[in-house]
Amino acid sequence: MKKNNVKLTYPHGLYSAWKRGRLHYKWFRQNRNTFDNDDLRIVRNQHLTGKHFGEWFTAIHYAKQRYRVLVEKYTYGIHIRKRAVVCEICGGRVLELLRNWETRYHCQPPDLLVFKEDRWFFVEVKRGRDSVRPCQIAYFKKIEKVFGRPVVIVDLSEEETLIGAERRRVSTLFT
């Protein structure tokens, strides 16, 4: 799994803006092909603690590369549209196995399902002190072995302080 690690950085202050509620509605409007009403409902209730920032930021990163992305909870029954997309892209057996393994490994599937044409893979986002837990390592290795698809681990961190003009240029990409 080490070979699938990716490091992403976000502009200084972006995480704080998320927690203050200044980004999720804007990102939702700008990325309607990525986020649905269920995603917005979940974030609206949890953004104050910073939850879902990394997943949304990373989803936008892949969407800008012309991938389609399912954000979190794509195996759960309440998310009918997402489950249908998983079945269409990956097959019903993949959805069934992910749910079964969730119980076996005592952790949720990777945060994102990323796809373009016949290529698809999973992404787990870690930010700050968060790290991949042993149960996740075992679960993700099983996914890679059985499906032959990578689980990319994104290490997300705040950029080092940039000089004025460069900071403004970078922050306009996501705000």
C-alpha atoms as a PDB file:
ATOM      1  CA  MET A   1       0.000   0.000   0.000  1.00  0.00           C
ATOM      2  CA  LYS A   2       2.955   2.358   0.545  1.00  0.00           C
ATOM      3  CA  LYS A   3       3.392   2.857  -3.213  1.00  0.00           C
ATOM      4  CA  ASN A   4      -0.111   4.387  -3.411  1.00  0.00           C
ATOM      5  CA  ASN A   5       0.529   7.257  -1.002  1.00  0.00           C
ATOM      6  CA  VAL A   6      -0.132  10.799  -2.273  1.00  0.00           C
ATOM      7  CA  LYS A   7       0.652  14.049  -0.491  1.00  0.00           C
ATOM      8  CA  LEU A   8      -1.743  16.971  -1.025  1.00  0.00           C
ATOM      9  CA  THR A   9      -1.633  20.388   0.565  1.00  0.00           C
ATOM     10  CA  TYR A  10      -4.320  22.995   1.016  1.00  0.00           C
ATOM     11  CA  PRO A  11      -3.926  26.771   1.337  1.00  0.00           C
ATOM     12  CA  HIS A  12      -3.372  28.322   4.742  1.00  0.00           C
ATOM     13  CA  GLY A  13      -6.683  29.193   6.419  1.00  0.00           C
ATOM     14  CA  LEU A  14      -8.868  26.953   4.256  1.00  0.00           C
ATOM     15  CA  TYR A  15      -9.543  24.440   7.033  1.00  0.00           C
ATOM     16  CA  SER A  16     -10.537  27.276   9.406  1.00  0.00           C
ATOM     17  CA  ALA A  17     -12.895  28.668   6.755  1.00  0.00           C
ATOM     18  CA  TRP A  18     -14.480  25.191   6.458  1.00  0.00           C
ATOM     19  CA  LYS A  19     -15.053  24.981  10.196  1.00  0.00           C
ATOM     20  CA  ARG A  20     -16.642  28.446  10.197  1.00  0.00           C
ATOM     21  CA  GLY A  21     -19.103  27.249   7.538  1.00  0.00           C
ATOM     22  CA  ARG A  22     -17.785  29.397   4.709  1.00  0.00           C
ATOM     23  CA  LEU A  23     -16.927  26.690   2.197  1.00  0.00           C
ATOM     24  CA  HIS A  24     -19.268  23.712   2.099  1.00  0.00           C
ATOM     25  CA  TYR A  25     -22.183  25.507   0.423  1.00  0.00           C
ATOM     26  CA  LYS A  26     -19.840  27.132  -2.089  1.00  0.00           C
ATOM     27  CA  TRP A  27     -18.049  23.857  -2.892  1.00  0.00           C
ATOM     28  CA  PHE A  28     -21.412  22.115  -3.148  1.00  0.00           C
ATOM     29  CA  ARG A  29     -22.672  24.658  -5.702  1.00  0.00           C
ATOM     30  CA  GLN A  30     -19.420  24.590  -7.675  1.00  0.00           C
ATOM     31  CA  ASN A  31     -19.172  20.791  -7.748  1.00  0.00           C
ATOM     32  CA  ARG A  32     -22.707  19.491  -8.274  1.00  0.00           C
ATOM     33  CA  ASN A  33     -21.376  16.497 -10.234  1.00  0.00           C
ATOM     34  CA  THR A  34     -19.398  15.431  -7.184  1.00  0.00           C
ATOM     35  CA  PHE A  35     -21.553  16.270  -4.159  1.00  0.00           C
ATOM     36  CA  ASP A  36     -25.227  15.476  -3.721  1.00  0.00           C
ATOM     37  CA  ASN A  37     -27.845  16.647  -1.235  1.00  0.00           C
ATOM     38  CA  ASP A  38     -26.974  13.803   1.148  1.00  0.00           C
ATOM     39  CA  ASP A  39     -23.337  14.921   1.221  1.00  0.00           C
ATOM     40  CA  LEU A  40     -24.413  18.474   1.995  1.00  0.00           C
ATOM     41  CA  ARG A  41     -26.827  17.316   4.715  1.00  0.00           C
ATOM     42  CA  ILE A  42     -24.077  15.329   6.448  1.00  0.00           C
ATOM     43  CA  VAL A  43     -21.551  18.179   6.257  1.00  0.00           C
ATOM     44  CA  ARG A  44     -24.032  20.813   7.390  1.00  0.00           C
ATOM     45  CA  ASN A  45     -24.343  18.971  10.694  1.00  0.00           C
ATOM     46  CA  GLN A  46     -20.636  18.264  11.228  1.00  0.00           C
ATOM     47  CA  HIS A  47     -18.474  21.014   9.676  1.00  0.00           C
ATOM     48  CA  LEU A  48     -17.956  22.851  12.973  1.00  0.00           C
ATOM     49  CA  THR A  49     -15.614  20.100  14.141  1.00  0.00           C
ATOM     50  CA  GLY A  50     -13.797  20.037  10.798  1.00  0.00           C
ATOM     51  CA  LYS A  51     -15.239  16.710   9.725  1.00  0.00           C
ATOM     52  CA  HIS A  52     -15.379  15.919   6.006  1.00  0.00           C
ATOM     53  CA  PHE A  53     -13.048  18.769   5.015  1.00  0.00           C
ATOM     54  CA  GLY A  54     -10.330  16.408   3.810  1.00  0.00           C
ATOM     55  CA  GLU A  55     -12.719  14.204   1.893  1.00  0.00           C
ATOM     56  CA  TRP A  56     -14.353  17.153   0.117  1.00  0.00           C
ATOM     57  CA  PHE A  57     -11.026  18.833  -0.653  1.00  0.00           C
ATOM     58  CA  THR A  58      -9.612  15.590  -2.060  1.00  0.00           C
ATOM     59  CA  ALA A  59     -12.788  14.858  -4.042  1.00  0.00           C
ATOM     60  CA  ILE A  60     -12.468  18.272  -5.695  1.00  0.00           C
ATOM     61  CA  HIS A  61      -8.802  17.529  -6.432  1.00  0.00           C
ATOM     62  CA  TYR A  62      -9.777  14.387  -8.378  1.00  0.00           C
ATOM     63  CA  ALA A  63     -12.805  16.027 -10.001  1.00  0.00           C
ATOM     64  CA  LYS A  64     -10.513  18.716 -11.415  1.00  0.00           C
ATOM     65  CA  GLN A  65      -8.604  15.880 -13.095  1.00  0.00           C
ATOM     66  CA  ARG A  66     -11.872  14.857 -14.770  1.00  0.00           C
ATOM     67  CA  TYR A  67     -12.594  11.916 -12.480  1.00  0.00           C
ATOM     68  CA  ARG A  68     -16.001  11.314 -11.003  1.00  0.00           C
ATOM     69  CA  VAL A  69     -16.039  10.808  -7.255  1.00  0.00           C
ATOM     70  CA  LEU A  70     -18.360   9.274  -4.686  1.00  0.00           C
ATOM     71  CA  VAL A  71     -17.784  10.795  -1.263  1.00  0.00           C
ATOM     72  CA  GLU A  72     -18.154   8.605   1.833  1.00  0.00           C
ATOM     73  CA  LYS A  73     -21.011   6.343   2.802  1.00  0.00           C
ATOM     74  CA  TYR A  74     -21.346   4.968  -0.740  1.00  0.00           C
ATOM     75  CA  THR A  75     -22.092   1.459   0.547  1.00  0.00           C
ATOM     76  CA  TYR A  76     -24.876   2.425   2.956  1.00  0.00           C
ATOM     77  CA  GLY A  77     -28.534   1.653   2.225  1.00  0.00           C
ATOM     78  CA  ILE A  78     -29.729   5.200   2.803  1.00  0.00           C
ATOM     79  CA  HIS A  79     -27.551   6.412  -0.110  1.00  0.00           C
ATOM     80  CA  ILE A  80     -29.500   4.762  -2.918  1.00  0.00           C
ATOM     81  CA  ARG A  81     -27.962   6.804  -5.735  1.00  0.00           C
ATOM     82  CA  LYS A  82     -24.417   6.124  -4.574  1.00  0.00           C
ATOM     83  CA  ARG A  83     -25.060   2.397  -4.195  1.00  0.00           C
ATOM     84  CA  ALA A  84     -26.445   2.300  -7.737  1.00  0.00           C
ATOM     85  CA  VAL A  85     -23.321   4.019  -9.067  1.00  0.00           C
ATOM     86  CA  VAL A  86     -21.066   1.554  -7.220  1.00  0.00           C
ATOM     87  CA  CYS A  87     -22.980  -1.335  -8.779  1.00  0.00           C
ATOM     88  CA  GLU A  88     -22.797   0.236 -12.237  1.00  0.00           C
ATOM     89  CA  ILE A  89     -19.071   1.058 -12.072  1.00  0.00           C
ATOM     90  CA  CYS A  90     -17.715  -1.831 -10.020  1.00  0.00           C
ATOM     91  CA  GLY A  91     -20.464  -4.452  -9.986  1.00  0.00           C
ATOM     92  CA  GLY A  92     -22.884  -5.595  -7.324  1.00  0.00           C
ATOM     93  CA  ARG A  93     -20.418  -8.131  -5.951  1.00  0.00           C
ATOM     94  CA  VAL A  94     -17.995  -5.329  -5.022  1.00  0.00           C
ATOM     95  CA  LEU A  95     -20.693  -3.549  -3.046  1.00  0.00           C
ATOM     96  CA  GLU A  96     -21.651  -6.761  -1.269  1.00  0.00           C
ATOM     97  CA  LEU A  97     -18.050  -7.612  -0.367  1.00  0.00           C
ATOM     98  CA  LEU A  98     -17.285  -4.092   0.885  1.00  0.00           C
ATOM     99  CA  ARG A  99     -20.260  -4.303   3.249  1.00  0.00           C
ATOM    100  CA  ASN A 100     -19.280  -7.791   4.462  1.00  0.00           C
ATOM    101  CA  TRP A 101     -15.652  -6.793   5.019  1.00  0.00           C
ATOM    102  CA  GLU A 102     -16.700  -3.684   6.909  1.00  0.00           C
ATOM    103  CA  THR A 103     -18.145  -5.989   9.550  1.00  0.00           C
ATOM    104  CA  ARG A 104     -15.138  -8.320   9.479  1.00  0.00           C
ATOM    105  CA  TYR A 105     -12.484  -5.583   9.734  1.00  0.00           C
ATOM    106  CA  HIS A 106     -14.493  -3.246  12.019  1.00  0.00           C
ATOM    107  CA  CYS A 107     -13.939  -0.149   9.889  1.00  0.00           C
ATOM    108  CA  GLN A 108     -15.620   1.656   7.014  1.00  0.00           C
ATOM    109  CA  PRO A 109     -14.632   1.371   3.355  1.00  0.00           C
ATOM    110  CA  PRO A 110     -12.185   3.973   2.002  1.00  0.00           C
ATOM    111  CA  ASP A 111     -13.488   7.545   1.993  1.00  0.00           C
ATOM    112  CA  LEU A 112     -13.786   7.989  -1.771  1.00  0.00           C
ATOM    113  CA  LEU A 113     -14.534   5.893  -4.822  1.00  0.00           C
ATOM    114  CA  VAL A 114     -12.851   7.591  -7.781  1.00  0.00           C
ATOM    115  CA  PHE A 115     -13.609   6.578 -11.372  1.00  0.00           C
ATOM    116  CA  LYS A 116     -13.229   7.510 -15.011  1.00  0.00           C
ATOM    117  CA  GLU A 117     -14.466   5.259 -17.841  1.00  0.00           C
ATOM    118  CA  ASP A 118     -13.370   1.719 -16.896  1.00  0.00           C
ATOM    119  CA  ARG A 119     -10.739   2.836 -14.384  1.00  0.00           C
ATOM    120  CA  TRP A 120     -11.698   2.990 -10.709  1.00  0.00           C
ATOM    121  CA  PHE A 121      -9.907   3.020  -7.388  1.00  0.00           C
ATOM    122  CA  PHE A 122     -10.415   3.934  -3.744  1.00  0.00           C
ATOM    123  CA  VAL A 123      -8.983   6.824  -1.729  1.00  0.00           C
ATOM    124  CA  GLU A 124      -8.554   7.110   2.027  1.00  0.00           C
ATOM    125  CA  VAL A 125      -7.901  10.656   3.274  1.00  0.00           C
ATOM    126  CA  LYS A 126      -5.805  11.367   6.354  1.00  0.00           C
ATOM    127  CA  ARG A 127      -5.232  14.860   7.708  1.00  0.00           C
ATOM    128  CA  GLY A 128      -3.223  16.123  10.626  1.00  0.00           C
ATOM    129  CA  ARG A 129      -2.472  13.494  13.236  1.00  0.00           C
ATOM    130  CA  ASP A 130      -4.903  11.005  11.727  1.00  0.00           C
ATOM    131  CA  SER A 131      -3.222   7.868  10.410  1.00  0.00           C
ATOM    132  CA  VAL A 132      -4.235   4.570   8.862  1.00  0.00           C
ATOM    133  CA  ARG A 133      -5.267   2.184  11.623  1.00  0.00           C
ATOM    134  CA  PRO A 134      -4.226  -1.515  11.610  1.00  0.00           C
ATOM    135  CA  CYS A 135      -7.809  -2.626  10.854  1.00  0.00           C
ATOM    136  CA  GLN A 136      -7.837  -0.280   7.844  1.00  0.00           C
ATOM    137  CA  ILE A 137      -4.513  -1.627   6.580  1.00  0.00           C
ATOM    138  CA  ALA A 138      -5.890  -5.175   6.678  1.00  0.00           C
ATOM    139  CA  TYR A 139      -9.177  -4.098   5.016  1.00  0.00           C
ATOM    140  CA  PHE A 140      -7.440  -2.098   2.288  1.00  0.00           C
ATOM    141  CA  LYS A 141      -4.995  -4.936   1.526  1.00  0.00           C
ATOM    142  CA  LYS A 142      -7.992  -7.235   1.092  1.00  0.00           C
ATOM    143  CA  ILE A 143      -9.599  -4.727  -1.305  1.00  0.00           C
ATOM    144  CA  GLU A 144      -6.410  -4.480  -3.361  1.00  0.00           C
ATOM    145  CA  LYS A 145      -5.913  -8.243  -3.486  1.00  0.00           C
ATOM    146  CA  VAL A 146      -9.478  -9.216  -4.387  1.00  0.00           C
ATOM    147  CA  PHE A 147     -10.423  -6.335  -6.703  1.00  0.00           C
ATOM    148  CA  GLY A 148      -6.983  -5.640  -8.149  1.00  0.00           C
ATOM    149  CA  ARG A 149      -7.599  -1.911  -7.582  1.00  0.00           C
ATOM    150  CA  PRO A 150      -5.439   0.396  -5.488  1.00  0.00           C
ATOM    151  CA  VAL A 151      -6.404   2.105  -2.283  1.00  0.00           C
ATOM    152  CA  VAL A 152      -4.625   5.449  -2.462  1.00  0.00           C
ATOM    153  CA  ILE A 153      -3.780   7.000   0.891  1.00  0.00           C
ATOM    154  CA  VAL A 154      -3.877  10.797   0.676  1.00  0.00           C
ATOM    155  CA  ASP A 155      -1.835  12.605   3.313  1.00  0.00           C
ATOM    156  CA  LEU A 156      -3.438  16.036   3.476  1.00  0.00           C
ATOM    157  CA  SER A 157      -1.721  18.940   5.189  1.00  0.00           C
ATOM    158  CA  GLU A 158      -1.773  22.703   5.261  1.00  0.00           C
ATOM    159  CA  GLU A 159       0.738  24.435   2.983  1.00  0.00           C
ATOM    160  CA  GLU A 160       3.681  26.200   4.475  1.00  0.00           C
ATOM    161  CA  THR A 161       3.174  29.948   4.586  1.00  0.00           C
ATOM    162  CA  LEU A 162       3.468  31.429   1.115  1.00  0.00           C
ATOM    163  CA  ILE A 163       4.395  34.920   0.048  1.00  0.00           C
ATOM    164  CA  GLY A 164       1.405  37.282  -0.586  1.00  0.00           C
ATOM    165  CA  ALA A 165       0.676  37.012  -4.338  1.00  0.00           C
ATOM    166  CA  GLU A 166       1.357  33.273  -4.451  1.00  0.00           C
ATOM    167  CA  ARG A 167      -0.978  32.669  -1.485  1.00  0.00           C
ATOM    168  CA  ARG A 168      -3.787  34.626  -3.188  1.00  0.00           C
ATOM    169  CA  ARG A 169      -3.305  32.669  -6.448  1.00  0.00           C
ATOM    170  CA  VAL A 170      -3.414  29.295  -4.711  1.00  0.00           C
ATOM    171  CA  SER A 171      -6.344  30.121  -2.427  1.00  0.00           C
ATOM    172  CA  THR A 172      -8.520  31.225  -5.351  1.00  0.00           C
ATOM    173  CA  LEU A 173      -8.408  27.653  -6.635  1.00  0.00           C
ATOM    174  CA  PHE A 174     -10.578  26.401  -3.770  1.00  0.00           C
ATOM    175  CA  THR A 175     -12.415  29.408  -2.382  1.00  0.00           C
END
